[in-house]
Amino acid sequence: MCQVKILYSTAFDLGGIMTLDETIRLNNLLDVYGVLLTQNQREVLFSYVSQNESLGEIAEENHTSRQAVSDLVMRSIKKLEDYESKLRFVDKLDNINKAIPLVANELIVDKSLAKKVALAYTDLIKSLED
């Protein structure tokens, strides 16, 4: 995780190849915080990260320079990382996703615990309906 944060500092080389982990992290940041970017920032970053388009391809599509696209991508990544450093939603979601299989295994092993959880969820749903 720390390596990714260093990679997306202002020294990040957009001409380089992103690892799978870096691509996943950026996609997660874009999924969670993308609505906080402008439409243009979202679209350009989506093209770069999710559709694996080059800066040159994006520049051509948007009738602008490669440098302008590079600057926009860098600013957008910095914004996403700033949001994450303050809110930590992506890290929290990662922790939840890691915990789900552990909880599921506990429920499989301990049938009485599974029944207690089911009853608790039933009670919660009933209380929400009232």
C-alpha atoms as a PDB file:
ATOM      1  CA  MET A   1       0.000   0.000   0.000  1.00  0.00           C
ATOM      2  CA  CYS A   2       2.771   2.444   0.878  1.00  0.00           C
ATOM      3  CA  GLN A   3       4.468   1.817  -2.463  1.00  0.00           C
ATOM      4  CA  VAL A   4       1.317   2.886  -4.295  1.00  0.00           C
ATOM      5  CA  LYS A   5       1.093   6.148  -2.349  1.00  0.00           C
ATOM      6  CA  ILE A   6       4.692   6.977  -3.227  1.00  0.00           C
ATOM      7  CA  LEU A   7       4.043   6.098  -6.842  1.00  0.00           C
ATOM      8  CA  TYR A   8       1.188   8.587  -7.092  1.00  0.00           C
ATOM      9  CA  SER A   9       3.186  11.467  -5.676  1.00  0.00           C
ATOM     10  CA  THR A  10       4.027  14.339  -7.981  1.00  0.00           C
ATOM     11  CA  ALA A  11       6.969  12.285  -9.251  1.00  0.00           C
ATOM     12  CA  PHE A  12       4.620   9.677 -10.729  1.00  0.00           C
ATOM     13  CA  ASP A  13       5.607   8.892 -14.299  1.00  0.00           C
ATOM     14  CA  LEU A  14       2.431   8.625 -16.334  1.00  0.00           C
ATOM     15  CA  GLY A  15       4.380   7.130 -19.206  1.00  0.00           C
ATOM     16  CA  GLY A  16       5.183   4.067 -17.102  1.00  0.00           C
ATOM     17  CA  ILE A  17       3.200   0.873 -16.841  1.00  0.00           C
ATOM     18  CA  MET A  18       0.937   0.551 -13.806  1.00  0.00           C
ATOM     19  CA  THR A  19       0.945  -2.705 -11.901  1.00  0.00           C
ATOM     20  CA  LEU A  20      -2.304  -4.588 -11.407  1.00  0.00           C
ATOM     21  CA  ASP A  21      -2.431  -3.489  -7.745  1.00  0.00           C
ATOM     22  CA  GLU A  22      -1.980   0.153  -8.737  1.00  0.00           C
ATOM     23  CA  THR A  23      -4.693  -0.122 -11.380  1.00  0.00           C
ATOM     24  CA  ILE A  24      -7.088  -1.760  -8.906  1.00  0.00           C
ATOM     25  CA  ARG A  25      -6.377   0.910  -6.293  1.00  0.00           C
ATOM     26  CA  LEU A  26      -6.980   3.737  -8.746  1.00  0.00           C
ATOM     27  CA  ASN A  27     -10.183   2.089  -9.968  1.00  0.00           C
ATOM     28  CA  ASN A  28     -11.367   1.745  -6.363  1.00  0.00           C
ATOM     29  CA  LEU A  29     -10.546   5.390  -5.640  1.00  0.00           C
ATOM     30  CA  LEU A  30     -12.364   6.406  -8.804  1.00  0.00           C
ATOM     31  CA  ASP A  31     -15.395   4.276  -7.873  1.00  0.00           C
ATOM     32  CA  VAL A  32     -15.633   5.748  -4.383  1.00  0.00           C
ATOM     33  CA  TYR A  33     -14.599   9.370  -4.917  1.00  0.00           C
ATOM     34  CA  GLY A  34     -15.150   9.844  -8.650  1.00  0.00           C
ATOM     35  CA  VAL A  35     -18.359  11.787  -8.072  1.00  0.00           C
ATOM     36  CA  LEU A  36     -16.266  14.454  -6.348  1.00  0.00           C
ATOM     37  CA  LEU A  37     -14.278  15.076  -9.550  1.00  0.00           C
ATOM     38  CA  THR A  38     -15.501  17.153 -12.450  1.00  0.00           C
ATOM     39  CA  GLN A  39     -17.091  15.261 -15.314  1.00  0.00           C
ATOM     40  CA  ASN A  40     -14.025  15.915 -17.474  1.00  0.00           C
ATOM     41  CA  GLN A  41     -11.643  14.679 -14.759  1.00  0.00           C
ATOM     42  CA  ARG A  42     -13.755  11.526 -14.283  1.00  0.00           C
ATOM     43  CA  GLU A  43     -13.949  10.757 -17.985  1.00  0.00           C
ATOM     44  CA  VAL A  44     -10.256  11.330 -18.670  1.00  0.00           C
ATOM     45  CA  LEU A  45      -9.134   9.364 -15.607  1.00  0.00           C
ATOM     46  CA  PHE A  46     -11.560   6.538 -16.471  1.00  0.00           C
ATOM     47  CA  SER A  47     -10.137   6.391 -20.003  1.00  0.00           C
ATOM     48  CA  TYR A  48      -6.591   6.331 -18.664  1.00  0.00           C
ATOM     49  CA  VAL A  49      -7.073   3.868 -15.801  1.00  0.00           C
ATOM     50  CA  SER A  50     -10.001   1.636 -16.717  1.00  0.00           C
ATOM     51  CA  GLN A  51      -9.794   1.599 -20.491  1.00  0.00           C
ATOM     52  CA  ASN A  52      -5.988   1.668 -20.568  1.00  0.00           C
ATOM     53  CA  GLU A  53      -5.872   4.449 -23.164  1.00  0.00           C
ATOM     54  CA  SER A  54      -2.602   6.300 -23.619  1.00  0.00           C
ATOM     55  CA  LEU A  55      -2.236   9.983 -22.855  1.00  0.00           C
ATOM     56  CA  GLY A  56      -1.834  10.598 -26.579  1.00  0.00           C
ATOM     57  CA  GLU A  57      -5.069   8.776 -27.411  1.00  0.00           C
ATOM     58  CA  ILE A  58      -6.987  10.719 -24.771  1.00  0.00           C
ATOM     59  CA  ALA A  59      -5.447  13.991 -25.971  1.00  0.00           C
ATOM     60  CA  GLU A  60      -6.498  13.248 -29.539  1.00  0.00           C
ATOM     61  CA  GLU A  61     -10.069  12.390 -28.482  1.00  0.00           C
ATOM     62  CA  ASN A  62     -10.326  15.601 -26.448  1.00  0.00           C
ATOM     63  CA  HIS A  63      -8.586  17.831 -29.002  1.00  0.00           C
ATOM     64  CA  THR A  64      -5.923  18.904 -26.536  1.00  0.00           C
ATOM     65  CA  SER A  65      -2.250  18.302 -25.855  1.00  0.00           C
ATOM     66  CA  ARG A  66      -0.717  15.235 -24.261  1.00  0.00           C
ATOM     67  CA  GLN A  67       0.760  17.505 -21.577  1.00  0.00           C
ATOM     68  CA  ALA A  68      -2.684  18.910 -20.716  1.00  0.00           C
ATOM     69  CA  VAL A  69      -4.031  15.370 -20.324  1.00  0.00           C
ATOM     70  CA  SER A  70      -1.021  14.391 -18.231  1.00  0.00           C
ATOM     71  CA  ASP A  71      -1.543  17.394 -15.938  1.00  0.00           C
ATOM     72  CA  LEU A  72      -5.263  16.623 -15.623  1.00  0.00           C
ATOM     73  CA  VAL A  73      -4.616  12.967 -14.774  1.00  0.00           C
ATOM     74  CA  MET A  74      -2.006  13.932 -12.174  1.00  0.00           C
ATOM     75  CA  ARG A  75      -4.299  16.511 -10.535  1.00  0.00           C
ATOM     76  CA  SER A  76      -7.182  14.026 -10.533  1.00  0.00           C
ATOM     77  CA  ILE A  77      -5.092  11.263  -8.944  1.00  0.00           C
ATOM     78  CA  LYS A  78      -3.834  13.712  -6.328  1.00  0.00           C
ATOM     79  CA  LYS A  79      -7.418  14.741  -5.518  1.00  0.00           C
ATOM     80  CA  LEU A  80      -8.507  11.112  -5.154  1.00  0.00           C
ATOM     81  CA  GLU A  81      -5.540  10.345  -2.906  1.00  0.00           C
ATOM     82  CA  ASP A  82      -6.259  13.473  -0.831  1.00  0.00           C
ATOM     83  CA  TYR A  83      -9.871  12.382  -0.332  1.00  0.00           C
ATOM     84  CA  GLU A  84      -8.725   8.905   0.678  1.00  0.00           C
ATOM     85  CA  SER A  85      -6.105  10.221   3.108  1.00  0.00           C
ATOM     86  CA  LYS A  86      -8.827  12.195   4.899  1.00  0.00           C
ATOM     87  CA  LEU A  87     -11.814   9.841   4.656  1.00  0.00           C
ATOM     88  CA  ARG A  88     -10.214   6.359   4.388  1.00  0.00           C
ATOM     89  CA  PHE A  89     -13.328   4.850   2.735  1.00  0.00           C
ATOM     90  CA  VAL A  90     -11.363   2.639   0.333  1.00  0.00           C
ATOM     91  CA  ASP A  91      -9.200   1.280   3.149  1.00  0.00           C
ATOM     92  CA  LYS A  92     -12.327   0.616   5.234  1.00  0.00           C
ATOM     93  CA  LEU A  93     -13.973  -1.191   2.320  1.00  0.00           C
ATOM     94  CA  ASP A  94     -10.817  -3.274   1.845  1.00  0.00           C
ATOM     95  CA  ASN A  95     -10.900  -4.256   5.522  1.00  0.00           C
ATOM     96  CA  ILE A  96     -14.578  -5.183   5.301  1.00  0.00           C
ATOM     97  CA  ASN A  97     -13.960  -7.261   2.174  1.00  0.00           C
ATOM     98  CA  LYS A  98     -11.117  -9.077   3.923  1.00  0.00           C
ATOM     99  CA  ALA A  99     -13.277  -9.755   6.994  1.00  0.00           C
ATOM    100  CA  ILE A 100     -16.274 -11.203   5.121  1.00  0.00           C
ATOM    101  CA  PRO A 101     -14.676 -14.595   4.319  1.00  0.00           C
ATOM    102  CA  LEU A 102     -13.407 -14.885   7.909  1.00  0.00           C
ATOM    103  CA  VAL A 103     -16.864 -14.210   9.315  1.00  0.00           C
ATOM    104  CA  ALA A 104     -18.432 -16.576   6.787  1.00  0.00           C
ATOM    105  CA  ASN A 105     -16.030 -19.341   7.846  1.00  0.00           C
ATOM    106  CA  GLU A 106     -16.873 -18.754  11.517  1.00  0.00           C
ATOM    107  CA  LEU A 107     -20.578 -19.007  10.714  1.00  0.00           C
ATOM    108  CA  ILE A 108     -20.028 -22.276   8.844  1.00  0.00           C
ATOM    109  CA  VAL A 109     -18.036 -23.756  11.726  1.00  0.00           C
ATOM    110  CA  ASP A 110     -20.251 -22.502  14.551  1.00  0.00           C
ATOM    111  CA  LYS A 111     -23.900 -23.256  13.710  1.00  0.00           C
ATOM    112  CA  SER A 112     -25.198 -21.700  16.931  1.00  0.00           C
ATOM    113  CA  LEU A 113     -23.404 -18.467  16.058  1.00  0.00           C
ATOM    114  CA  ALA A 114     -24.984 -18.556  12.604  1.00  0.00           C
ATOM    115  CA  LYS A 115     -28.439 -18.860  14.198  1.00  0.00           C
ATOM    116  CA  LYS A 116     -27.710 -15.933  16.539  1.00  0.00           C
ATOM    117  CA  VAL A 117     -26.589 -13.775  13.614  1.00  0.00           C
ATOM    118  CA  ALA A 118     -29.665 -14.730  11.595  1.00  0.00           C
ATOM    119  CA  LEU A 119     -31.927 -13.807  14.520  1.00  0.00           C
ATOM    120  CA  ALA A 120     -30.112 -10.514  15.014  1.00  0.00           C
ATOM    121  CA  TYR A 121     -30.560  -9.643  11.336  1.00  0.00           C
ATOM    122  CA  THR A 122     -34.230 -10.625  11.492  1.00  0.00           C
ATOM    123  CA  ASP A 123     -34.724  -8.380  14.530  1.00  0.00           C
ATOM    124  CA  LEU A 124     -32.877  -5.548  12.788  1.00  0.00           C
ATOM    125  CA  ILE A 125     -35.030  -5.856   9.676  1.00  0.00           C
ATOM    126  CA  LYS A 126     -38.203  -5.910  11.780  1.00  0.00           C
ATOM    127  CA  SER A 127     -37.093  -2.803  13.679  1.00  0.00           C
ATOM    128  CA  LEU A 128     -36.442  -1.002  10.398  1.00  0.00           C
ATOM    129  CA  GLU A 129     -39.915  -1.888   9.136  1.00  0.00           C
ATOM    130  CA  ASP A 130     -41.580  -0.328  12.208  1.00  0.00           C
END
